[in-house]
Amino acid sequence: MSQTAAIWLVILAALVAANLPFLNHRVALVGPVASPRKGLLIRLVELVVLYFLVGGFAMLLERRAGQNAPQGWEFYAITGTLFLTLAFPGFVYRYLLRRHS
């Protein structure tokens, strides 16, 4: 796999993973359906867990391409902010979109 394809794969995985907590009613994506509904705190915890899973996937792809580069706190601050930005469509769908039915 080329490096360009690996980068796009990570971006696509981050986009999907960032929106999953807001589109799914199950706890931890595969657990029981939350009753009466899943709260924002649970969704944010899932978002953090998925951030680290996508980060692990990205590190795996980086290791396959060569040596992993050491990262400082700045890298994690920027990627965390990017992950939250990618989660915005799911947040809007779940909490801000009005359904007239």
PDB file of N, CA and C in Angstrom:
ATOM      1  N   MET A   1       0.850  -1.168   0.000  1.00  0.00           N
ATOM      2  CA  MET A   1       0.000   0.000   0.000  1.00  0.00           C
ATOM      3  C   MET A   1       0.899   1.236   0.000  1.00  0.00           C
ATOM      4  N   SER A   2       0.556   2.188  -0.823  1.00  0.00           N
ATOM      5  CA  SER A   2       1.350   3.416  -0.885  1.00  0.00           C
ATOM      6  C   SER A   2       1.077   4.277   0.348  1.00  0.00           C
ATOM      7  N   GLN A   3       1.979   5.218   0.586  1.00  0.00           N
ATOM      8  CA  GLN A   3       1.794   6.087   1.742  1.00  0.00           C
ATOM      9  C   GLN A   3       0.583   6.990   1.586  1.00  0.00           C
ATOM     10  N   THR A   4       0.312   7.414   0.368  1.00  0.00           N
ATOM     11  CA  THR A   4      -0.859   8.252   0.129  1.00  0.00           C
ATOM     12  C   THR A   4      -2.140   7.488   0.433  1.00  0.00           C
ATOM     13  N   ALA A   5      -2.211   6.243   0.010  1.00  0.00           N
ATOM     14  CA  ALA A   5      -3.393   5.429   0.301  1.00  0.00           C
ATOM     15  C   ALA A   5      -3.531   5.182   1.796  1.00  0.00           C
ATOM     16  N   ALA A   6      -2.421   4.965   2.485  1.00  0.00           N
ATOM     17  CA  ALA A   6      -2.472   4.753   3.937  1.00  0.00           C
ATOM     18  C   ALA A   6      -2.968   6.002   4.655  1.00  0.00           C
ATOM     19  N   ILE A   7      -2.539   7.166   4.207  1.00  0.00           N
ATOM     20  CA  ILE A   7      -2.992   8.418   4.828  1.00  0.00           C
ATOM     21  C   ILE A   7      -4.491   8.599   4.628  1.00  0.00           C
ATOM     22  N   TRP A   8      -4.975   8.363   3.415  1.00  0.00           N
ATOM     23  CA  TRP A   8      -6.408   8.500   3.161  1.00  0.00           C
ATOM     24  C   TRP A   8      -7.218   7.456   3.922  1.00  0.00           C
ATOM     25  N   LEU A   9      -6.654   6.279   4.106  1.00  0.00           N
ATOM     26  CA  LEU A   9      -7.326   5.237   4.876  1.00  0.00           C
ATOM     27  C   LEU A   9      -7.470   5.652   6.340  1.00  0.00           C
ATOM     28  N   VAL A  10      -6.439   6.261   6.891  1.00  0.00           N
ATOM     29  CA  VAL A  10      -6.502   6.734   8.279  1.00  0.00           C
ATOM     30  C   VAL A  10      -7.512   7.871   8.413  1.00  0.00           C
ATOM     31  N   ILE A  11      -7.526   8.780   7.453  1.00  0.00           N
ATOM     32  CA  ILE A  11      -8.492   9.886   7.501  1.00  0.00           C
ATOM     33  C   ILE A  11      -9.924   9.366   7.401  1.00  0.00           C
ATOM     34  N   LEU A  12     -10.158   8.424   6.525  1.00  0.00           N
ATOM     35  CA  LEU A  12     -11.489   7.829   6.390  1.00  0.00           C
ATOM     36  C   LEU A  12     -11.883   7.070   7.657  1.00  0.00           C
ATOM     37  N   ALA A  13     -10.949   6.317   8.235  1.00  0.00           N
ATOM     38  CA  ALA A  13     -11.227   5.599   9.488  1.00  0.00           C
ATOM     39  C   ALA A  13     -11.538   6.577  10.614  1.00  0.00           C
ATOM     40  N   ALA A  14     -10.821   7.694  10.658  1.00  0.00           N
ATOM     41  CA  ALA A  14     -11.079   8.700  11.692  1.00  0.00           C
ATOM     42  C   ALA A  14     -12.445   9.342  11.502  1.00  0.00           C
ATOM     43  N   LEU A  15     -12.823   9.613  10.268  1.00  0.00           N
ATOM     44  CA  LEU A  15     -14.140  10.208   9.999  1.00  0.00           C
ATOM     45  C   LEU A  15     -15.265   9.276  10.426  1.00  0.00           C
ATOM     46  N   VAL A  16     -15.144   8.013  10.087  1.00  0.00           N
ATOM     47  CA  VAL A  16     -16.176   7.040  10.465  1.00  0.00           C
ATOM     48  C   VAL A  16     -16.204   6.845  11.979  1.00  0.00           C
ATOM     49  N   ALA A  17     -15.033   6.666  12.587  1.00  0.00           N
ATOM     50  CA  ALA A  17     -14.964   6.405  14.025  1.00  0.00           C
ATOM     51  C   ALA A  17     -15.429   7.609  14.841  1.00  0.00           C
ATOM     52  N   ALA A  18     -15.160   8.816  14.368  1.00  0.00           N
ATOM     53  CA  ALA A  18     -15.569  10.011  15.110  1.00  0.00           C
ATOM     54  C   ALA A  18     -17.084  10.177  15.135  1.00  0.00           C
ATOM     55  N   ASN A  19     -17.768   9.669  14.132  1.00  0.00           N
ATOM     56  CA  ASN A  19     -19.224   9.830  14.069  1.00  0.00           C
ATOM     57  C   ASN A  19     -19.989   8.641  14.620  1.00  0.00           C
ATOM     58  N   LEU A  20     -19.337   7.513  14.807  1.00  0.00           N
ATOM     59  CA  LEU A  20     -20.036   6.324  15.309  1.00  0.00           C
ATOM     60  C   LEU A  20     -20.726   6.513  16.665  1.00  0.00           C
ATOM     61  N   PRO A  21     -20.111   7.147  17.650  1.00  0.00           N
ATOM     62  CA  PRO A  21     -20.825   7.282  18.934  1.00  0.00           C
ATOM     63  C   PRO A  21     -22.132   8.059  18.829  1.00  0.00           C
ATOM     64  N   PHE A  22     -22.234   8.957  17.871  1.00  0.00           N
ATOM     65  CA  PHE A  22     -23.435   9.766  17.742  1.00  0.00           C
ATOM     66  C   PHE A  22     -24.498   9.111  16.867  1.00  0.00           C
ATOM     67  N   LEU A  23     -24.124   8.141  16.075  1.00  0.00           N
ATOM     68  CA  LEU A  23     -25.074   7.482  15.189  1.00  0.00           C
ATOM     69  C   LEU A  23     -25.562   6.148  15.727  1.00  0.00           C
ATOM     70  N   ASN A  24     -24.978   5.671  16.808  1.00  0.00           N
ATOM     71  CA  ASN A  24     -25.264   4.350  17.337  1.00  0.00           C
ATOM     72  C   ASN A  24     -25.871   4.488  18.731  1.00  0.00           C
ATOM     73  N   HIS A  25     -26.896   3.700  19.029  1.00  0.00           N
ATOM     74  CA  HIS A  25     -27.541   3.751  20.345  1.00  0.00           C
ATOM     75  C   HIS A  25     -26.992   2.707  21.310  1.00  0.00           C
ATOM     76  N   ARG A  26     -26.062   1.902  20.864  1.00  0.00           N
ATOM     77  CA  ARG A  26     -25.502   0.855  21.724  1.00  0.00           C
ATOM     78  C   ARG A  26     -24.312   1.377  22.506  1.00  0.00           C
ATOM     79  N   VAL A  27     -24.127   0.868  23.712  1.00  0.00           N
ATOM     80  CA  VAL A  27     -22.983   1.230  24.528  1.00  0.00           C
ATOM     81  C   VAL A  27     -21.766   0.489  23.989  1.00  0.00           C
ATOM     82  N   ALA A  28     -20.668   1.187  23.795  1.00  0.00           N
ATOM     83  CA  ALA A  28     -19.420   0.639  23.260  1.00  0.00           C
ATOM     84  C   ALA A  28     -19.616   0.018  21.879  1.00  0.00           C
ATOM     85  N   LEU A  29     -20.552   0.527  21.130  1.00  0.00           N
ATOM     86  CA  LEU A  29     -20.832   0.165  19.738  1.00  0.00           C
ATOM     87  C   LEU A  29     -21.376  -1.240  19.537  1.00  0.00           C
ATOM     88  N   VAL A  30     -21.143  -2.167  20.449  1.00  0.00           N
ATOM     89  CA  VAL A  30     -21.633  -3.538  20.280  1.00  0.00           C
ATOM     90  C   VAL A  30     -22.402  -4.041  21.500  1.00  0.00           C
ATOM     91  N   GLY A  31     -22.433  -3.251  22.554  1.00  0.00           N
ATOM     92  CA  GLY A  31     -23.096  -3.668  23.781  1.00  0.00           C
ATOM     93  C   GLY A  31     -24.604  -3.544  23.683  1.00  0.00           C
ATOM     94  N   PRO A  32     -25.274  -3.601  24.821  1.00  0.00           N
ATOM     95  CA  PRO A  32     -26.737  -3.505  24.813  1.00  0.00           C
ATOM     96  C   PRO A  32     -27.199  -2.091  24.445  1.00  0.00           C
ATOM     97  N   VAL A  33     -28.407  -2.016  23.961  1.00  0.00           N
ATOM     98  CA  VAL A  33     -28.990  -0.716  23.630  1.00  0.00           C
ATOM     99  C   VAL A  33     -29.216   0.041  24.926  1.00  0.00           C
ATOM    100  N   ALA A  34     -28.743   1.279  24.974  1.00  0.00           N
ATOM    101  CA  ALA A  34     -28.872   2.096  26.175  1.00  0.00           C
ATOM    102  C   ALA A  34     -30.330   2.485  26.366  1.00  0.00           C
ATOM    103  N   SER A  35     -30.812   2.344  27.581  1.00  0.00           N
ATOM    104  CA  SER A  35     -32.192   2.713  27.851  1.00  0.00           C
ATOM    105  C   SER A  35     -32.214   3.827  28.886  1.00  0.00           C
ATOM    106  N   PRO A  36     -32.988   4.839  28.767  1.00  0.00           N
ATOM    107  CA  PRO A  36     -33.830   5.136  27.621  1.00  0.00           C
ATOM    108  C   PRO A  36     -33.019   5.635  26.424  1.00  0.00           C
ATOM    109  N   ARG A  37     -31.889   6.299  26.691  1.00  0.00           N
ATOM    110  CA  ARG A  37     -30.994   6.675  25.607  1.00  0.00           C
ATOM    111  C   ARG A  37     -29.602   6.928  26.166  1.00  0.00           C
ATOM    112  N   LYS A  38     -28.647   6.906  25.295  1.00  0.00           N
ATOM    113  CA  LYS A  38     -27.252   7.070  25.685  1.00  0.00           C
ATOM    114  C   LYS A  38     -26.977   8.552  25.921  1.00  0.00           C
ATOM    115  N   GLY A  39     -26.346   8.878  27.043  1.00  0.00           N
ATOM    116  CA  GLY A  39     -26.058  10.264  27.367  1.00  0.00           C
ATOM    117  C   GLY A  39     -24.804  10.778  26.687  1.00  0.00           C
ATOM    118  N   LEU A  40     -24.618  12.091  26.771  1.00  0.00           N
ATOM    119  CA  LEU A  40     -23.471  12.729  26.129  1.00  0.00           C
ATOM    120  C   LEU A  40     -22.158  12.260  26.742  1.00  0.00           C
ATOM    121  N   LEU A  41     -22.111  12.037  28.035  1.00  0.00           N
ATOM    122  CA  LEU A  41     -20.873  11.599  28.689  1.00  0.00           C
ATOM    123  C   LEU A  41     -20.414  10.239  28.159  1.00  0.00           C
ATOM    124  N   ILE A  42     -21.338   9.319  27.986  1.00  0.00           N
ATOM    125  CA  ILE A  42     -20.987   8.002  27.448  1.00  0.00           C
ATOM    126  C   ILE A  42     -20.492   8.149  26.013  1.00  0.00           C
ATOM    127  N   ARG A  43     -21.131   9.011  25.242  1.00  0.00           N
ATOM    128  CA  ARG A  43     -20.697   9.235  23.858  1.00  0.00           C
ATOM    129  C   ARG A  43     -19.291   9.836  23.811  1.00  0.00           C
ATOM    130  N   LEU A  44     -18.974  10.737  24.727  1.00  0.00           N
ATOM    131  CA  LEU A  44     -17.635  11.331  24.751  1.00  0.00           C
ATOM    132  C   LEU A  44     -16.571  10.319  25.171  1.00  0.00           C
ATOM    133  N   VAL A  45     -16.904   9.439  26.101  1.00  0.00           N
ATOM    134  CA  VAL A  45     -15.957   8.378  26.489  1.00  0.00           C
ATOM    135  C   VAL A  45     -15.706   7.453  25.301  1.00  0.00           C
ATOM    136  N   GLU A  46     -16.756   7.097  24.588  1.00  0.00           N
ATOM    137  CA  GLU A  46     -16.587   6.279  23.389  1.00  0.00           C
ATOM    138  C   GLU A  46     -15.729   6.998  22.354  1.00  0.00           C
ATOM    139  N   LEU A  47     -15.908   8.316  22.237  1.00  0.00           N
ATOM    140  CA  LEU A  47     -15.125   9.100  21.286  1.00  0.00           C
ATOM    141  C   LEU A  47     -13.635   9.053  21.626  1.00  0.00           C
ATOM    142  N   VAL A  48     -13.306   9.146  22.900  1.00  0.00           N
ATOM    143  CA  VAL A  48     -11.896   9.073  23.326  1.00  0.00           C
ATOM    144  C   VAL A  48     -11.323   7.689  23.044  1.00  0.00           C
ATOM    145  N   VAL A  49     -12.087   6.652  23.341  1.00  0.00           N
ATOM    146  CA  VAL A  49     -11.612   5.284  23.084  1.00  0.00           C
ATOM    147  C   VAL A  49     -11.388   5.075  21.587  1.00  0.00           C
ATOM    148  N   LEU A  50     -12.308   5.548  20.763  1.00  0.00           N
ATOM    149  CA  LEU A  50     -12.150   5.401  19.320  1.00  0.00           C
ATOM    150  C   LEU A  50     -10.986   6.236  18.790  1.00  0.00           C
ATOM    151  N   TYR A  51     -10.706   7.377  19.413  1.00  0.00           N
ATOM    152  CA  TYR A  51      -9.535   8.175  19.032  1.00  0.00           C
ATOM    153  C   TYR A  51      -8.255   7.359  19.211  1.00  0.00           C
ATOM    154  N   PHE A  52      -8.141   6.675  20.341  1.00  0.00           N
ATOM    155  CA  PHE A  52      -6.943   5.873  20.581  1.00  0.00           C
ATOM    156  C   PHE A  52      -6.891   4.636  19.680  1.00  0.00           C
ATOM    157  N   LEU A  53      -8.037   4.066  19.344  1.00  0.00           N
ATOM    158  CA  LEU A  53      -8.045   2.931  18.417  1.00  0.00           C
ATOM    159  C   LEU A  53      -7.599   3.349  17.011  1.00  0.00           C
ATOM    160  N   VAL A  54      -8.084   4.480  16.546  1.00  0.00           N
ATOM    161  CA  VAL A  54      -7.658   4.976  15.232  1.00  0.00           C
ATOM    162  C   VAL A  54      -6.181   5.356  15.282  1.00  0.00           C
ATOM    163  N   GLY A  55      -5.733   5.928  16.392  1.00  0.00           N
ATOM    164  CA  GLY A  55      -4.309   6.243  16.544  1.00  0.00           C
ATOM    165  C   GLY A  55      -3.441   4.999  16.507  1.00  0.00           C
ATOM    166  N   GLY A  56      -3.896   3.931  17.138  1.00  0.00           N
ATOM    167  CA  GLY A  56      -3.164   2.665  17.083  1.00  0.00           C
ATOM    168  C   GLY A  56      -3.121   2.102  15.677  1.00  0.00           C
ATOM    169  N   PHE A  57      -4.227   2.220  14.958  1.00  0.00           N
ATOM    170  CA  PHE A  57      -4.269   1.777  13.568  1.00  0.00           C
ATOM    171  C   PHE A  57      -3.289   2.587  12.716  1.00  0.00           C
ATOM    172  N   ALA A  58      -3.233   3.906  12.947  1.00  0.00           N
ATOM    173  CA  ALA A  58      -2.311   4.766  12.204  1.00  0.00           C
ATOM    174  C   ALA A  58      -0.858   4.412  12.533  1.00  0.00           C
ATOM    175  N   MET A  59      -0.580   4.109  13.799  1.00  0.00           N
ATOM    176  CA  MET A  59       0.785   3.721  14.169  1.00  0.00           C
ATOM    177  C   MET A  59       1.167   2.391  13.523  1.00  0.00           C
ATOM    178  N   LEU A  60       0.218   1.491  13.404  1.00  0.00           N
ATOM    179  CA  LEU A  60       0.480   0.212  12.739  1.00  0.00           C
ATOM    180  C   LEU A  60       0.834   0.427  11.266  1.00  0.00           C
ATOM    181  N   LEU A  61       0.077   1.277  10.597  1.00  0.00           N
ATOM    182  CA  LEU A  61       0.381   1.579   9.197  1.00  0.00           C
ATOM    183  C   LEU A  61       1.724   2.291   9.058  1.00  0.00           C
ATOM    184  N   GLU A  62       2.040   3.178  10.003  1.00  0.00           N
ATOM    185  CA  GLU A  62       3.324   3.867   9.967  1.00  0.00           C
ATOM    186  C   GLU A  62       4.482   2.899  10.188  1.00  0.00           C
ATOM    187  N   ARG A  63       4.293   1.948  11.081  1.00  0.00           N
ATOM    188  CA  ARG A  63       5.329   0.950  11.342  1.00  0.00           C
ATOM    189  C   ARG A  63       5.566   0.068  10.116  1.00  0.00           C
ATOM    190  N   ARG A  64       4.495  -0.240   9.381  1.00  0.00           N
ATOM    191  CA  ARG A  64       4.644  -1.044   8.163  1.00  0.00           C
ATOM    192  C   ARG A  64       5.401  -0.272   7.086  1.00  0.00           C
ATOM    193  N   ALA A  65       5.278   1.069   7.070  1.00  0.00           N
ATOM    194  CA  ALA A  65       5.948   1.883   6.066  1.00  0.00           C
ATOM    195  C   ALA A  65       7.403   2.172   6.432  1.00  0.00           C
ATOM    196  N   GLY A  66       7.750   2.039   7.685  1.00  0.00           N
ATOM    197  CA  GLY A  66       9.107   2.345   8.136  1.00  0.00           C
ATOM    198  C   GLY A  66       9.128   2.485   9.639  1.00  0.00           C
ATOM    199  N   GLN A  67       9.969   3.344  10.124  1.00  0.00           N
ATOM    200  CA  GLN A  67      10.122   3.541  11.565  1.00  0.00           C
ATOM    201  C   GLN A  67       9.119   4.579  12.061  1.00  0.00           C
ATOM    202  N   ASN A  68       8.544   4.331  13.243  1.00  0.00           N
ATOM    203  CA  ASN A  68       7.618   5.290  13.838  1.00  0.00           C
ATOM    204  C   ASN A  68       8.376   6.532  14.290  1.00  0.00           C
ATOM    205  N   ALA A  69       7.827   7.688  13.990  1.00  0.00           N
ATOM    206  CA  ALA A  69       8.426   8.947  14.420  1.00  0.00           C
ATOM    207  C   ALA A  69       7.957   9.263  15.838  1.00  0.00           C
ATOM    208  N   PRO A  70       8.864   9.736  16.699  1.00  0.00           N
ATOM    209  CA  PRO A  70       8.440  10.115  18.053  1.00  0.00           C
ATOM    210  C   PRO A  70       7.532  11.348  18.001  1.00  0.00           C
ATOM    211  N   GLN A  71       6.500  11.348  18.844  1.00  0.00           N
ATOM    212  CA  GLN A  71       5.524  12.433  18.850  1.00  0.00           C
ATOM    213  C   GLN A  71       5.499  13.090  20.221  1.00  0.00           C
ATOM    214  N   GLY A  72       5.356  14.392  20.227  1.00  0.00           N
ATOM    215  CA  GLY A  72       5.219  15.145  21.467  1.00  0.00           C
ATOM    216  C   GLY A  72       3.759  15.445  21.753  1.00  0.00           C
ATOM    217  N   TRP A  73       3.518  16.220  22.804  1.00  0.00           N
ATOM    218  CA  TRP A  73       2.152  16.527  23.204  1.00  0.00           C
ATOM    219  C   TRP A  73       1.426  17.344  22.136  1.00  0.00           C
ATOM    220  N   GLU A  74       2.172  18.116  21.353  1.00  0.00           N
ATOM    221  CA  GLU A  74       1.555  18.937  20.324  1.00  0.00           C
ATOM    222  C   GLU A  74       0.831  18.079  19.285  1.00  0.00           C
ATOM    223  N   PHE A  75       1.446  16.957  18.925  1.00  0.00           N
ATOM    224  CA  PHE A  75       0.844  16.051  17.950  1.00  0.00           C
ATOM    225  C   PHE A  75      -0.500  15.544  18.451  1.00  0.00           C
ATOM    226  N   TYR A  76      -0.551  15.136  19.713  1.00  0.00           N
ATOM    227  CA  TYR A  76      -1.799  14.594  20.260  1.00  0.00           C
ATOM    228  C   TYR A  76      -2.850  15.684  20.444  1.00  0.00           C
ATOM    229  N   ALA A  77      -2.434  16.904  20.744  1.00  0.00           N
ATOM    230  CA  ALA A  77      -3.391  18.006  20.849  1.00  0.00           C
ATOM    231  C   ALA A  77      -4.021  18.311  19.490  1.00  0.00           C
ATOM    232  N   ILE A  78      -3.205  18.319  18.453  1.00  0.00           N
ATOM    233  CA  ILE A  78      -3.718  18.622  17.112  1.00  0.00           C
ATOM    234  C   ILE A  78      -4.599  17.486  16.596  1.00  0.00           C
ATOM    235  N   THR A  79      -4.156  16.228  16.753  1.00  0.00           N
ATOM    236  CA  THR A  79      -4.972  15.124  16.242  1.00  0.00           C
ATOM    237  C   THR A  79      -6.262  14.969  17.037  1.00  0.00           C
ATOM    238  N   GLY A  80      -6.229  15.254  18.339  1.00  0.00           N
ATOM    239  CA  GLY A  80      -7.460  15.216  19.132  1.00  0.00           C
ATOM    240  C   GLY A  80      -8.452  16.268  18.680  1.00  0.00           C
ATOM    241  N   THR A  81      -7.941  17.461  18.390  1.00  0.00           N
ATOM    242  CA  THR A  81      -8.796  18.532  17.889  1.00  0.00           C
ATOM    243  C   THR A  81      -9.360  18.183  16.513  1.00  0.00           C
ATOM    244  N   LEU A  82      -8.535  17.593  15.667  1.00  0.00           N
ATOM    245  CA  LEU A  82      -9.006  17.157  14.350  1.00  0.00           C
ATOM    246  C   LEU A  82     -10.082  16.084  14.484  1.00  0.00           C
ATOM    247  N   PHE A  83      -9.898  15.159  15.424  1.00  0.00           N
ATOM    248  CA  PHE A  83     -10.889  14.103  15.638  1.00  0.00           C
ATOM    249  C   PHE A  83     -12.216  14.700  16.097  1.00  0.00           C
ATOM    250  N   LEU A  84     -12.159  15.695  16.988  1.00  0.00           N
ATOM    251  CA  LEU A  84     -13.390  16.361  17.425  1.00  0.00           C
ATOM    252  C   LEU A  84     -14.055  17.112  16.271  1.00  0.00           C
ATOM    253  N   THR A  85     -13.252  17.701  15.400  1.00  0.00           N
ATOM    254  CA  THR A  85     -13.800  18.395  14.233  1.00  0.00           C
ATOM    255  C   THR A  85     -14.493  17.411  13.298  1.00  0.00           C
ATOM    256  N   LEU A  86     -13.896  16.237  13.122  1.00  0.00           N
ATOM    257  CA  LEU A  86     -14.514  15.227  12.273  1.00  0.00           C
ATOM    258  C   LEU A  86     -15.799  14.685  12.891  1.00  0.00           C
ATOM    259  N   ALA A  87     -15.944  14.785  14.217  1.00  0.00           N
ATOM    260  CA  ALA A  87     -17.149  14.300  14.896  1.00  0.00           C
ATOM    261  C   ALA A  87     -18.300  15.293  14.826  1.00  0.00           C
ATOM    262  N   PHE A  88     -18.059  16.486  14.330  1.00  0.00           N
ATOM    263  CA  PHE A  88     -19.091  17.519  14.319  1.00  0.00           C
ATOM    264  C   PHE A  88     -20.356  17.132  13.559  1.00  0.00           C
ATOM    265  N   PRO A  89     -20.270  16.500  12.374  1.00  0.00           N
ATOM    266  CA  PRO A  89     -21.522  16.127  11.691  1.00  0.00           C
ATOM    267  C   PRO A  89     -22.397  15.173  12.511  1.00  0.00           C
ATOM    268  N   GLY A  90     -21.791  14.217  13.192  1.00  0.00           N
ATOM    269  CA  GLY A  90     -22.557  13.301  14.024  1.00  0.00           C
ATOM    270  C   GLY A  90     -23.188  14.007  15.214  1.00  0.00           C
ATOM    271  N   PHE A  91     -22.454  14.948  15.814  1.00  0.00           N
ATOM    272  CA  PHE A  91     -22.980  15.727  16.933  1.00  0.00           C
ATOM    273  C   PHE A  91     -24.178  16.568  16.488  1.00  0.00           C
ATOM    274  N   VAL A  92     -24.043  17.197  15.345  1.00  0.00           N
ATOM    275  CA  VAL A  92     -25.151  18.006  14.818  1.00  0.00           C
ATOM    276  C   VAL A  92     -26.359  17.133  14.546  1.00  0.00           C
ATOM    277  N   TYR A  93     -26.147  15.987  13.940  1.00  0.00           N
ATOM    278  CA  TYR A  93     -27.252  15.082  13.657  1.00  0.00           C
ATOM    279  C   TYR A  93     -27.955  14.641  14.933  1.00  0.00           C
ATOM    280  N   ARG A  94     -27.203  14.317  15.976  1.00  0.00           N
ATOM    281  CA  ARG A  94     -27.778  13.779  17.200  1.00  0.00           C
ATOM    282  C   ARG A  94     -28.436  14.856  18.059  1.00  0.00           C
ATOM    283  N   TYR A  95     -27.804  16.020  18.211  1.00  0.00           N
ATOM    284  CA  TYR A  95     -28.269  16.984  19.206  1.00  0.00           C
ATOM    285  C   TYR A  95     -28.856  18.279  18.641  1.00  0.00           C
ATOM    286  N   LEU A  96     -28.520  18.662  17.436  1.00  0.00           N
ATOM    287  CA  LEU A  96     -28.973  19.962  16.939  1.00  0.00           C
ATOM    288  C   LEU A  96     -30.011  19.877  15.836  1.00  0.00           C
ATOM    289  N   LEU A  97     -30.093  18.747  15.159  1.00  0.00           N
ATOM    290  CA  LEU A  97     -31.042  18.621  14.053  1.00  0.00           C
ATOM    291  C   LEU A  97     -32.446  18.422  14.621  1.00  0.00           C
ATOM    292  N   ARG A  98     -33.351  19.264  14.209  1.00  0.00           N
ATOM    293  CA  ARG A  98     -34.743  19.160  14.664  1.00  0.00           C
ATOM    294  C   ARG A  98     -35.514  18.253  13.727  1.00  0.00           C
ATOM    295  N   ARG A  99     -36.227  17.326  14.299  1.00  0.00           N
ATOM    296  CA  ARG A  99     -37.058  16.435  13.498  1.00  0.00           C
ATOM    297  C   ARG A  99     -38.508  16.855  13.687  1.00  0.00           C
ATOM    298  N   HIS A 100     -39.166  17.173  12.607  1.00  0.00           N
ATOM    299  CA  HIS A 100     -40.565  17.611  12.656  1.00  0.00           C
ATOM    300  C   HIS A 100     -41.464  16.447  12.275  1.00  0.00           C
ATOM    301  N   SER A 101     -41.697  15.555  13.246  1.00  0.00           N
ATOM    302  CA  SER A 101     -42.569  14.416  12.949  1.00  0.00           C
ATOM    303  C   SER A 101     -43.509  14.161  14.094  1.00  0.00           C
TER     304      SER A 101
END
